[in-house]
Amino acid sequence: MRELTKKQKTMLKDWFDKNYDGGGMFNMAKKIDIEIYNKIDSINPCEIFYQNVNHYMEELVSEK
């Protein structure tokens, strides 16, 4: 499966709500702590996970 799962989105949203400081909206995946990033990735690993995270985070920023 190439898309983020509901569990991954929930974990990313939790991280976002606790850590987003109103800065830029691009390259958000590299701001996530590596331990959390790896934990979320391990749920449903795929080769485009990084891009999926960035796209999802961009959606969250645009909703704010």
PDB file of N, CA and C in Angstrom:
ATOM      1  N   MET A   1       0.847  -1.176   0.000  1.00  0.00           N
ATOM      2  CA  MET A   1       0.000   0.000   0.000  1.00  0.00           C
ATOM      3  C   MET A   1       0.895   1.243   0.000  1.00  0.00           C
ATOM      4  N   ARG A   2       0.607   2.181  -0.844  1.00  0.00           N
ATOM      5  CA  ARG A   2       1.455   3.347  -0.989  1.00  0.00           C
ATOM      6  C   ARG A   2       0.947   4.577  -0.238  1.00  0.00           C
ATOM      7  N   GLU A   3      -0.286   4.559   0.195  1.00  0.00           N
ATOM      8  CA  GLU A   3      -0.841   5.713   0.889  1.00  0.00           C
ATOM      9  C   GLU A   3      -0.646   5.568   2.398  1.00  0.00           C
ATOM     10  N   LEU A   4      -0.757   6.687   3.093  1.00  0.00           N
ATOM     11  CA  LEU A   4      -0.671   6.648   4.549  1.00  0.00           C
ATOM     12  C   LEU A   4      -1.921   5.980   5.108  1.00  0.00           C
ATOM     13  N   THR A   5      -1.735   5.172   6.125  1.00  0.00           N
ATOM     14  CA  THR A   5      -2.865   4.537   6.788  1.00  0.00           C
ATOM     15  C   THR A   5      -3.498   5.516   7.771  1.00  0.00           C
ATOM     16  N   LYS A   6      -4.667   5.167   8.255  1.00  0.00           N
ATOM     17  CA  LYS A   6      -5.347   6.006   9.240  1.00  0.00           C
ATOM     18  C   LYS A   6      -4.493   6.152  10.501  1.00  0.00           C
ATOM     19  N   LYS A   7      -3.867   5.069  10.922  1.00  0.00           N
ATOM     20  CA  LYS A   7      -3.012   5.109  12.116  1.00  0.00           C
ATOM     21  C   LYS A   7      -1.816   6.036  11.895  1.00  0.00           C
ATOM     22  N   GLN A   8      -1.198   5.972  10.718  1.00  0.00           N
ATOM     23  CA  GLN A   8      -0.070   6.853  10.420  1.00  0.00           C
ATOM     24  C   GLN A   8      -0.522   8.308  10.419  1.00  0.00           C
ATOM     25  N   LYS A   9      -1.664   8.585   9.804  1.00  0.00           N
ATOM     26  CA  LYS A   9      -2.168   9.961   9.771  1.00  0.00           C
ATOM     27  C   LYS A   9      -2.458  10.472  11.174  1.00  0.00           C
ATOM     28  N   THR A  10      -3.017   9.621  12.012  1.00  0.00           N
ATOM     29  CA  THR A  10      -3.304  10.015  13.388  1.00  0.00           C
ATOM     30  C   THR A  10      -2.018  10.363  14.128  1.00  0.00           C
ATOM     31  N   MET A  11      -0.998   9.536  13.962  1.00  0.00           N
ATOM     32  CA  MET A  11       0.284   9.791  14.632  1.00  0.00           C
ATOM     33  C   MET A  11       0.931  11.066  14.099  1.00  0.00           C
ATOM     34  N   LEU A  12       0.858  11.277  12.796  1.00  0.00           N
ATOM     35  CA  LEU A  12       1.427  12.492  12.211  1.00  0.00           C
ATOM     36  C   LEU A  12       0.660  13.727  12.669  1.00  0.00           C
ATOM     37  N   LYS A  13      -0.652  13.629  12.739  1.00  0.00           N
ATOM     38  CA  LYS A  13      -1.460  14.765  13.204  1.00  0.00           C
ATOM     39  C   LYS A  13      -1.148  15.086  14.661  1.00  0.00           C
ATOM     40  N   ASP A  14      -0.980  14.063  15.490  1.00  0.00           N
ATOM     41  CA  ASP A  14      -0.594  14.283  16.890  1.00  0.00           C
ATOM     42  C   ASP A  14       0.733  15.020  16.969  1.00  0.00           C
ATOM     43  N   TRP A  15       1.705  14.571  16.179  1.00  0.00           N
ATOM     44  CA  TRP A  15       3.009  15.232  16.168  1.00  0.00           C
ATOM     45  C   TRP A  15       2.850  16.674  15.714  1.00  0.00           C
ATOM     46  N   PHE A  16       2.094  16.875  14.641  1.00  0.00           N
ATOM     47  CA  PHE A  16       1.877  18.207  14.080  1.00  0.00           C
ATOM     48  C   PHE A  16       1.253  19.142  15.113  1.00  0.00           C
ATOM     49  N   ASP A  17       0.196  18.684  15.765  1.00  0.00           N
ATOM     50  CA  ASP A  17      -0.497  19.518  16.750  1.00  0.00           C
ATOM     51  C   ASP A  17       0.415  19.925  17.904  1.00  0.00           C
ATOM     52  N   LYS A  18       1.336  19.068  18.275  1.00  0.00           N
ATOM     53  CA  LYS A  18       2.238  19.360  19.392  1.00  0.00           C
ATOM     54  C   LYS A  18       3.467  20.174  18.976  1.00  0.00           C
ATOM     55  N   ASN A  19       3.858  20.111  17.699  1.00  0.00           N
ATOM     56  CA  ASN A  19       5.148  20.670  17.304  1.00  0.00           C
ATOM     57  C   ASN A  19       5.120  21.761  16.248  1.00  0.00           C
ATOM     58  N   TYR A  20       4.025  21.934  15.544  1.00  0.00           N
ATOM     59  CA  TYR A  20       4.015  22.940  14.477  1.00  0.00           C
ATOM     60  C   TYR A  20       4.005  24.328  15.083  1.00  0.00           C
ATOM     61  N   ASP A  21       4.957  25.147  14.666  1.00  0.00           N
ATOM     62  CA  ASP A  21       5.125  26.476  15.255  1.00  0.00           C
ATOM     63  C   ASP A  21       4.703  27.610  14.324  1.00  0.00           C
ATOM     64  N   GLY A  22       4.044  27.266  13.237  1.00  0.00           N
ATOM     65  CA  GLY A  22       3.596  28.297  12.311  1.00  0.00           C
ATOM     66  C   GLY A  22       4.627  28.648  11.255  1.00  0.00           C
ATOM     67  N   GLY A  23       5.717  27.903  11.203  1.00  0.00           N
ATOM     68  CA  GLY A  23       6.744  28.142  10.195  1.00  0.00           C
ATOM     69  C   GLY A  23       6.274  27.694   8.824  1.00  0.00           C
ATOM     70  N   GLY A  24       7.182  27.458   7.933  1.00  0.00           N
ATOM     71  CA  GLY A  24       6.867  27.072   6.560  1.00  0.00           C
ATOM     72  C   GLY A  24       6.078  25.790   6.460  1.00  0.00           C
ATOM     73  N   MET A  25       5.611  25.525   5.255  1.00  0.00           N
ATOM     74  CA  MET A  25       4.797  24.343   5.049  1.00  0.00           C
ATOM     75  C   MET A  25       5.500  23.270   4.241  1.00  0.00           C
ATOM     76  N   PHE A  26       6.664  23.534   3.711  1.00  0.00           N
ATOM     77  CA  PHE A  26       7.350  22.572   2.856  1.00  0.00           C
ATOM     78  C   PHE A  26       8.440  21.836   3.623  1.00  0.00           C
ATOM     79  N   ASN A  27       8.711  20.614   3.209  1.00  0.00           N
ATOM     80  CA  ASN A  27       9.746  19.775   3.817  1.00  0.00           C
ATOM     81  C   ASN A  27       9.500  19.511   5.303  1.00  0.00           C
ATOM     82  N   MET A  28       8.256  19.329   5.648  1.00  0.00           N
ATOM     83  CA  MET A  28       7.894  19.088   7.040  1.00  0.00           C
ATOM     84  C   MET A  28       8.403  17.741   7.542  1.00  0.00           C
ATOM     85  N   ALA A  29       8.530  16.760   6.669  1.00  0.00           N
ATOM     86  CA  ALA A  29       8.961  15.422   7.089  1.00  0.00           C
ATOM     87  C   ALA A  29      10.332  15.461   7.746  1.00  0.00           C
ATOM     88  N   LYS A  30      11.191  16.349   7.309  1.00  0.00           N
ATOM     89  CA  LYS A  30      12.528  16.380   7.907  1.00  0.00           C
ATOM     90  C   LYS A  30      12.547  17.046   9.278  1.00  0.00           C
ATOM     91  N   LYS A  31      11.447  17.644   9.699  1.00  0.00           N
ATOM     92  CA  LYS A  31      11.359  18.257  11.032  1.00  0.00           C
ATOM     93  C   LYS A  31      10.944  17.258  12.103  1.00  0.00           C
ATOM     94  N   ILE A  32      10.423  16.102  11.679  1.00  0.00           N
ATOM     95  CA  ILE A  32       9.943  15.093  12.630  1.00  0.00           C
ATOM     96  C   ILE A  32      11.139  14.367  13.245  1.00  0.00           C
ATOM     97  N   ASP A  33      11.087  14.143  14.548  1.00  0.00           N
ATOM     98  CA  ASP A  33      12.147  13.390  15.227  1.00  0.00           C
ATOM     99  C   ASP A  33      12.309  12.036  14.549  1.00  0.00           C
ATOM    100  N   ILE A  34      13.542  11.612  14.365  1.00  0.00           N
ATOM    101  CA  ILE A  34      13.830  10.380  13.629  1.00  0.00           C
ATOM    102  C   ILE A  34      13.180   9.157  14.258  1.00  0.00           C
ATOM    103  N   GLU A  35      13.109   9.107  15.589  1.00  0.00           N
ATOM    104  CA  GLU A  35      12.494   7.960  16.251  1.00  0.00           C
ATOM    105  C   GLU A  35      11.010   7.856  15.910  1.00  0.00           C
ATOM    106  N   ILE A  36      10.323   8.991  15.942  1.00  0.00           N
ATOM    107  CA  ILE A  36       8.900   9.012  15.614  1.00  0.00           C
ATOM    108  C   ILE A  36       8.694   8.715  14.134  1.00  0.00           C
ATOM    109  N   TYR A  37       9.512   9.324  13.300  1.00  0.00           N
ATOM    110  CA  TYR A  37       9.427   9.090  11.851  1.00  0.00           C
ATOM    111  C   TYR A  37       9.574   7.604  11.540  1.00  0.00           C
ATOM    112  N   ASN A  38      10.577   6.964  12.107  1.00  0.00           N
ATOM    113  CA  ASN A  38      10.804   5.533  11.862  1.00  0.00           C
ATOM    114  C   ASN A  38       9.661   4.673  12.399  1.00  0.00           C
ATOM    115  N   LYS A  39       9.112   5.056  13.536  1.00  0.00           N
ATOM    116  CA  LYS A  39       7.992   4.304  14.115  1.00  0.00           C
ATOM    117  C   LYS A  39       6.771   4.376  13.197  1.00  0.00           C
ATOM    118  N   ILE A  40       6.478   5.566  12.684  1.00  0.00           N
ATOM    119  CA  ILE A  40       5.345   5.733  11.779  1.00  0.00           C
ATOM    120  C   ILE A  40       5.599   4.999  10.462  1.00  0.00           C
ATOM    121  N   ASP A  41       6.810   5.095   9.960  1.00  0.00           N
ATOM    122  CA  ASP A  41       7.164   4.415   8.708  1.00  0.00           C
ATOM    123  C   ASP A  41       7.047   2.906   8.845  1.00  0.00           C
ATOM    124  N   SER A  42       7.400   2.366   9.994  1.00  0.00           N
ATOM    125  CA  SER A  42       7.387   0.910  10.175  1.00  0.00           C
ATOM    126  C   SER A  42       5.971   0.311  10.141  1.00  0.00           C
ATOM    127  N   ILE A  43       4.962   1.129  10.324  1.00  0.00           N
ATOM    128  CA  ILE A  43       3.577   0.651  10.273  1.00  0.00           C
ATOM    129  C   ILE A  43       3.220   0.186   8.867  1.00  0.00           C
ATOM    130  N   ASN A  44       3.664   0.938   7.876  1.00  0.00           N
ATOM    131  CA  ASN A  44       3.336   0.633   6.481  1.00  0.00           C
ATOM    132  C   ASN A  44       4.448   1.189   5.590  1.00  0.00           C
ATOM    133  N   PRO A  45       5.622   0.559   5.599  1.00  0.00           N
ATOM    134  CA  PRO A  45       6.744   1.119   4.841  1.00  0.00           C
ATOM    135  C   PRO A  45       6.511   1.058   3.332  1.00  0.00           C
ATOM    136  N   CYS A  46       6.929   2.099   2.660  1.00  0.00           N
ATOM    137  CA  CYS A  46       6.908   2.111   1.198  1.00  0.00           C
ATOM    138  C   CYS A  46       7.960   3.110   0.717  1.00  0.00           C
ATOM    139  N   GLU A  47       8.287   3.012  -0.545  1.00  0.00           N
ATOM    140  CA  GLU A  47       9.380   3.821  -1.081  1.00  0.00           C
ATOM    141  C   GLU A  47       9.025   5.303  -1.195  1.00  0.00           C
ATOM    142  N   ILE A  48       7.747   5.647  -1.128  1.00  0.00           N
ATOM    143  CA  ILE A  48       7.371   7.060  -1.238  1.00  0.00           C
ATOM    144  C   ILE A  48       6.817   7.616   0.089  1.00  0.00           C
ATOM    145  N   PHE A  49       7.173   6.995   1.181  1.00  0.00           N
ATOM    146  CA  PHE A  49       6.683   7.425   2.485  1.00  0.00           C
ATOM    147  C   PHE A  49       7.030   8.890   2.760  1.00  0.00           C
ATOM    148  N   TYR A  50       8.260   9.287   2.498  1.00  0.00           N
ATOM    149  CA  TYR A  50       8.706  10.656   2.760  1.00  0.00           C
ATOM    150  C   TYR A  50       7.816  11.665   2.022  1.00  0.00           C
ATOM    151  N   GLN A  51       7.546  11.405   0.756  1.00  0.00           N
ATOM    152  CA  GLN A  51       6.697  12.298  -0.030  1.00  0.00           C
ATOM    153  C   GLN A  51       5.265  12.311   0.508  1.00  0.00           C
ATOM    154  N   ASN A  52       4.764  11.140   0.907  1.00  0.00           N
ATOM    155  CA  ASN A  52       3.410  11.078   1.463  1.00  0.00           C
ATOM    156  C   ASN A  52       3.308  11.900   2.743  1.00  0.00           C
ATOM    157  N   VAL A  53       4.330  11.825   3.576  1.00  0.00           N
ATOM    158  CA  VAL A  53       4.340  12.606   4.819  1.00  0.00           C
ATOM    159  C   VAL A  53       4.342  14.096   4.492  1.00  0.00           C
ATOM    160  N   ASN A  54       5.190  14.496   3.575  1.00  0.00           N
ATOM    161  CA  ASN A  54       5.243  15.908   3.198  1.00  0.00           C
ATOM    162  C   ASN A  54       3.900  16.396   2.665  1.00  0.00           C
ATOM    163  N   HIS A  55       3.265  15.630   1.815  1.00  0.00           N
ATOM    164  CA  HIS A  55       1.975  16.038   1.253  1.00  0.00           C
ATOM    165  C   HIS A  55       0.906  16.131   2.345  1.00  0.00           C
ATOM    166  N   TYR A  56       0.897  15.161   3.241  1.00  0.00           N
ATOM    167  CA  TYR A  56      -0.087  15.187   4.326  1.00  0.00           C
ATOM    168  C   TYR A  56       0.156  16.390   5.239  1.00  0.00           C
ATOM    169  N   MET A  57       1.389  16.665   5.556  1.00  0.00           N
ATOM    170  CA  MET A  57       1.706  17.809   6.417  1.00  0.00           C
ATOM    171  C   MET A  57       1.332  19.126   5.736  1.00  0.00           C
ATOM    172  N   GLU A  58       1.536  19.224   4.424  1.00  0.00           N
ATOM    173  CA  GLU A  58       1.133  20.419   3.695  1.00  0.00           C
ATOM    174  C   GLU A  58      -0.374  20.623   3.810  1.00  0.00           C
ATOM    175  N   GLU A  59      -1.142  19.541   3.755  1.00  0.00           N
ATOM    176  CA  GLU A  59      -2.590  19.633   3.929  1.00  0.00           C
ATOM    177  C   GLU A  59      -2.934  20.164   5.320  1.00  0.00           C
ATOM    178  N   LEU A  60      -2.239  19.650   6.338  1.00  0.00           N
ATOM    179  CA  LEU A  60      -2.502  20.098   7.706  1.00  0.00           C
ATOM    180  C   LEU A  60      -2.185  21.585   7.867  1.00  0.00           C
ATOM    181  N   VAL A  61      -1.083  22.034   7.280  1.00  0.00           N
ATOM    182  CA  VAL A  61      -0.718  23.452   7.380  1.00  0.00           C
ATOM    183  C   VAL A  61      -1.770  24.310   6.687  1.00  0.00           C
ATOM    184  N   SER A  62      -2.211  23.888   5.512  1.00  0.00           N
ATOM    185  CA  SER A  62      -3.175  24.702   4.773  1.00  0.00           C
ATOM    186  C   SER A  62      -4.529  24.755   5.482  1.00  0.00           C
ATOM    187  N   GLU A  63      -4.831  23.790   6.319  1.00  0.00           N
ATOM    188  CA  GLU A  63      -6.072  23.800   7.101  1.00  0.00           C
ATOM    189  C   GLU A  63      -6.008  24.760   8.280  1.00  0.00           C
ATOM    190  N   LYS A  64      -4.795  25.076   8.748  1.00  0.00           N
ATOM    191  CA  LYS A  64      -4.620  25.950   9.918  1.00  0.00           C
ATOM    192  C   LYS A  64      -4.997  27.365   9.619  1.00  0.00           C
TER     193      LYS A  64
END
